[in-house]
């Protein structure tokens, strides 16, 4: 009898497939296409060492005599280079794969840093309250009064002047992750603080206090899970914003160096040649960047609607 009841229970996959979020996803063709495109771009970029015909980081595989070959559908192309080559003679297809991986890595790591700082500060501010709450929220207000790009430009310019271009280029990825992550934490802090203020007066929090649980356990194990829905939505949008910020900084010469191409540095390196006829050096990475950011934002819009409790009532 027990085996029949066990077999009749739906599997975890069936529970996920029949959930409200999965149902919303299946009914939204824009979300389905966006996830497929994002998955293809992500998988191909992280498998770049296996997929790319050339390694743009290996000087032995780069020949300056192969520079500015057009894509294969343009006259004068070399069939060896499907999307053409850049001004240094690197295969553009390979460079885009490696560059997309780098842009995604910076975006995801920067958002992870944003989330860690913002969630920690939001939990402390909302749970402790009082002067600490006022101080932390005033710091958030000050941070929000400056744009991410302005803070990043000042910080990276000063850092580059202090350490020199060679050291800066060597550790550019870490500088970018740090500055983009630190510049955007108030988005998380304000959202988490609002949830904490609403949740800390409820009975389950009082019960946890009576049982002798410490503040850290109450904040992390009991209150924080109620903030996960808005955190997921914010994180999706912030990944797209972080990728745009990295591309903008690289385009301005304050991001990844040409020897470590990201999508932004690729667009920047080809901008000087766009009017000389070598439009593909900037245009093709630009299209990849636009598509990547677009599908992430579309997924964020769907996730925001899917996690809205007003849309589903049991």
Foldseek 3Di string as FASTA:
>chain_A
DVVVVVVPDDDPVVCVCPDLLNVLCVVDVLLVVLVVVLVVLQVQLVCLVVPPPDDLLDPVRADQVQALAAAPVDPRHDVVQRHGHHNRRHRLVSLASLQANLLLVLLLLLLVLLQVVQLVLLLCLQPVPDPSVVVSVVVLVVLVVDDLLVQLVVVLVVVCVVPPVVVCQVCQSVSLSVSSNVSRNNVSNVLLSVQSNVPCPDDVVVVCVVVPDDSVCCSPVPRVVVSVLVSVLVSLLSSLVSSVSQLVCLLVVSHHDPSNHHLSVQLNSCPVCCVVPSVSSNVVSVVVSVSNSVSSVVNSVSSNVSPPPVVDDD
